[in-house]
Amino acid sequence: MRPVIYGIVFIVIGAIYIRKPTIFRRGLWMKTSIAIRTLSETNYTRYLRGLGYVLVIAGIVLILSKMI
């Protein structure tokens, strides 16, 4: 049951990153995230959208692995 829960959490977080990739580009994260400090705005958006897709795929794999 845990892989299904983790899969759902990964899918939700991935969907948030895909939908709104600049959600963490303010406040405390501006000073601590290396990606925010080193990447340009467009590259950071690409990076987080790519991370979102990876998380969604990982979530689907976790859910399907439990069903098999």
N, C-alpha and C. Protein backbone atom coordinates (compact mmCIF):
# COMPACT_ATOMS: atom_id res chain seq x y z
N MET A 1 0.81 -1.20 0.00
CA MET A 1 0.00 0.00 0.00
C MET A 1 0.85 1.27 0.00
N ARG A 2 2.01 1.19 0.64
CA ARG A 2 2.86 2.38 0.68
C ARG A 2 3.35 2.84 -0.69
N PRO A 3 3.74 1.92 -1.59
CA PRO A 3 4.16 2.40 -2.91
C PRO A 3 3.06 3.17 -3.64
N VAL A 4 1.82 2.79 -3.43
CA VAL A 4 0.71 3.51 -4.07
C VAL A 4 0.61 4.93 -3.51
N ILE A 5 0.74 5.06 -2.20
CA ILE A 5 0.68 6.39 -1.57
C ILE A 5 1.85 7.25 -2.04
N TYR A 6 3.06 6.66 -2.05
CA TYR A 6 4.23 7.41 -2.52
C TYR A 6 4.07 7.79 -3.99
N GLY A 7 3.50 6.88 -4.78
CA GLY A 7 3.27 7.16 -6.19
C GLY A 7 2.32 8.32 -6.39
N ILE A 8 1.24 8.34 -5.60
CA ILE A 8 0.29 9.44 -5.69
C ILE A 8 0.94 10.76 -5.29
N VAL A 9 1.75 10.73 -4.24
CA VAL A 9 2.44 11.95 -3.79
C VAL A 9 3.41 12.43 -4.89
N PHE A 10 4.16 11.51 -5.49
CA PHE A 10 5.06 11.90 -6.58
C PHE A 10 4.30 12.52 -7.74
N ILE A 11 3.17 11.93 -8.10
CA ILE A 11 2.38 12.44 -9.21
C ILE A 11 1.85 13.84 -8.90
N VAL A 12 1.39 14.05 -7.67
CA VAL A 12 0.88 15.38 -7.30
C VAL A 12 1.98 16.42 -7.33
N ILE A 13 3.13 16.10 -6.74
CA ILE A 13 4.25 17.05 -6.74
C ILE A 13 4.72 17.31 -8.17
N GLY A 14 4.82 16.25 -8.97
CA GLY A 14 5.22 16.42 -10.37
C GLY A 14 4.25 17.28 -11.15
N ALA A 15 2.96 17.10 -10.90
CA ALA A 15 1.96 17.91 -11.60
C ALA A 15 2.07 19.38 -11.19
N ILE A 16 2.37 19.63 -9.93
CA ILE A 16 2.56 21.01 -9.48
C ILE A 16 3.78 21.62 -10.18
N TYR A 17 4.87 20.86 -10.27
CA TYR A 17 6.06 21.37 -10.95
C TYR A 17 5.81 21.61 -12.43
N ILE A 18 5.03 20.75 -13.07
CA ILE A 18 4.74 20.94 -14.49
C ILE A 18 3.83 22.15 -14.69
N ARG A 19 2.82 22.26 -13.85
CA ARG A 19 1.82 23.33 -13.99
C ARG A 19 2.36 24.70 -13.62
N LYS A 20 3.11 24.77 -12.53
CA LYS A 20 3.61 26.06 -12.04
C LYS A 20 5.06 25.89 -11.58
N PRO A 21 6.01 25.90 -12.52
CA PRO A 21 7.40 25.60 -12.17
C PRO A 21 8.10 26.68 -11.34
N THR A 22 7.56 27.88 -11.30
CA THR A 22 8.23 28.94 -10.54
C THR A 22 7.63 29.11 -9.14
N ILE A 23 6.98 28.07 -8.63
CA ILE A 23 6.30 28.17 -7.34
C ILE A 23 7.29 28.41 -6.19
N PHE A 24 8.49 27.86 -6.30
CA PHE A 24 9.47 28.02 -5.22
C PHE A 24 10.53 29.07 -5.53
N ARG A 25 10.30 29.92 -6.49
CA ARG A 25 11.30 30.92 -6.87
C ARG A 25 11.14 32.22 -6.10
N ARG A 26 10.89 32.11 -4.83
CA ARG A 26 10.78 33.31 -3.99
C ARG A 26 11.11 32.95 -2.55
N GLY A 27 11.31 33.97 -1.76
CA GLY A 27 11.52 33.78 -0.32
C GLY A 27 12.83 33.10 0.03
N LEU A 28 12.76 32.18 0.96
CA LEU A 28 13.94 31.48 1.48
C LEU A 28 14.67 30.69 0.40
N TRP A 29 13.92 30.15 -0.56
CA TRP A 29 14.54 29.32 -1.59
C TRP A 29 15.49 30.13 -2.47
N MET A 30 15.28 31.42 -2.59
CA MET A 30 16.15 32.24 -3.44
C MET A 30 17.59 32.22 -2.95
N LYS A 31 17.79 32.10 -1.64
CA LYS A 31 19.14 32.14 -1.09
C LYS A 31 19.76 30.76 -0.95
N THR A 32 18.95 29.70 -0.91
CA THR A 32 19.48 28.38 -0.63
C THR A 32 19.59 27.47 -1.84
N SER A 33 18.75 27.65 -2.84
CA SER A 33 18.75 26.74 -3.98
C SER A 33 19.84 27.11 -4.97
N ILE A 34 20.71 26.15 -5.25
CA ILE A 34 21.78 26.38 -6.22
C ILE A 34 21.19 26.54 -7.62
N ALA A 35 20.15 25.77 -7.92
CA ALA A 35 19.53 25.85 -9.25
C ALA A 35 18.96 27.24 -9.51
N ILE A 36 18.34 27.83 -8.51
CA ILE A 36 17.76 29.16 -8.69
C ILE A 36 18.85 30.20 -8.90
N ARG A 37 19.95 30.05 -8.16
CA ARG A 37 21.01 31.05 -8.26
C ARG A 37 21.82 30.93 -9.54
N THR A 38 21.96 29.72 -10.09
CA THR A 38 22.87 29.54 -11.22
C THR A 38 22.18 29.50 -12.58
N LEU A 39 20.92 29.10 -12.63
CA LEU A 39 20.23 28.97 -13.92
C LEU A 39 19.45 30.24 -14.24
N SER A 40 19.32 30.49 -15.54
CA SER A 40 18.48 31.61 -15.96
C SER A 40 17.01 31.24 -15.74
N GLU A 41 16.14 32.20 -15.91
CA GLU A 41 14.69 31.97 -15.69
C GLU A 41 14.15 30.87 -16.60
N THR A 42 14.51 30.91 -17.88
CA THR A 42 13.99 29.91 -18.82
C THR A 42 14.57 28.52 -18.55
N ASN A 43 15.86 28.47 -18.24
CA ASN A 43 16.48 27.18 -17.95
C ASN A 43 15.96 26.60 -16.64
N TYR A 44 15.71 27.44 -15.67
CA TYR A 44 15.13 26.97 -14.41
C TYR A 44 13.73 26.41 -14.62
N THR A 45 12.95 27.06 -15.46
CA THR A 45 11.60 26.57 -15.78
C THR A 45 11.68 25.22 -16.48
N ARG A 46 12.60 25.09 -17.44
CA ARG A 46 12.79 23.80 -18.12
C ARG A 46 13.22 22.72 -17.14
N TYR A 47 14.13 23.06 -16.25
CA TYR A 47 14.64 22.11 -15.27
C TYR A 47 13.50 21.60 -14.38
N LEU A 48 12.69 22.49 -13.86
CA LEU A 48 11.62 22.06 -12.97
C LEU A 48 10.51 21.32 -13.71
N ARG A 49 10.21 21.71 -14.94
CA ARG A 49 9.22 20.95 -15.71
C ARG A 49 9.74 19.54 -16.00
N GLY A 50 11.02 19.42 -16.33
CA GLY A 50 11.62 18.10 -16.53
C GLY A 50 11.58 17.27 -15.27
N LEU A 51 11.86 17.89 -14.14
CA LEU A 51 11.78 17.20 -12.86
C LEU A 51 10.34 16.77 -12.58
N GLY A 52 9.39 17.61 -12.95
CA GLY A 52 7.99 17.25 -12.78
C GLY A 52 7.61 16.03 -13.60
N TYR A 53 8.06 15.98 -14.85
CA TYR A 53 7.77 14.81 -15.69
C TYR A 53 8.41 13.54 -15.11
N VAL A 54 9.63 13.67 -14.62
CA VAL A 54 10.30 12.52 -14.00
C VAL A 54 9.53 12.04 -12.78
N LEU A 55 9.05 12.97 -11.96
CA LEU A 55 8.29 12.57 -10.77
C LEU A 55 6.96 11.91 -11.14
N VAL A 56 6.30 12.41 -12.17
CA VAL A 56 5.05 11.79 -12.60
C VAL A 56 5.30 10.37 -13.11
N ILE A 57 6.34 10.20 -13.90
CA ILE A 57 6.67 8.86 -14.41
C ILE A 57 7.05 7.93 -13.26
N ALA A 58 7.83 8.43 -12.30
CA ALA A 58 8.20 7.62 -11.15
C ALA A 58 6.97 7.23 -10.33
N GLY A 59 6.03 8.14 -10.19
CA GLY A 59 4.80 7.84 -9.46
C GLY A 59 3.98 6.78 -10.16
N ILE A 60 3.89 6.87 -11.48
CA ILE A 60 3.15 5.87 -12.25
C ILE A 60 3.82 4.50 -12.12
N VAL A 61 5.14 4.48 -12.19
CA VAL A 61 5.87 3.21 -12.05
C VAL A 61 5.63 2.61 -10.66
N LEU A 62 5.65 3.44 -9.63
CA LEU A 62 5.38 2.92 -8.28
C LEU A 62 3.99 2.34 -8.17
N ILE A 63 3.01 3.03 -8.72
CA ILE A 63 1.63 2.54 -8.64
C ILE A 63 1.48 1.24 -9.44
N LEU A 64 2.05 1.20 -10.64
CA LEU A 64 1.94 0.00 -11.46
C LEU A 64 2.71 -1.17 -10.88
N SER A 65 3.82 -0.90 -10.21
CA SER A 65 4.61 -2.00 -9.63
C SER A 65 3.84 -2.69 -8.51
N LYS A 66 3.01 -1.96 -7.83
CA LYS A 66 2.21 -2.55 -6.77
C LYS A 66 1.06 -3.37 -7.33
N MET A 67 0.55 -2.97 -8.50
CA MET A 67 -0.57 -3.68 -9.10
C MET A 67 -0.15 -5.01 -9.74
N ILE A 68 1.09 -5.11 -10.13
CA ILE A 68 1.57 -6.34 -10.82
C ILE A 68 1.83 -7.45 -9.83
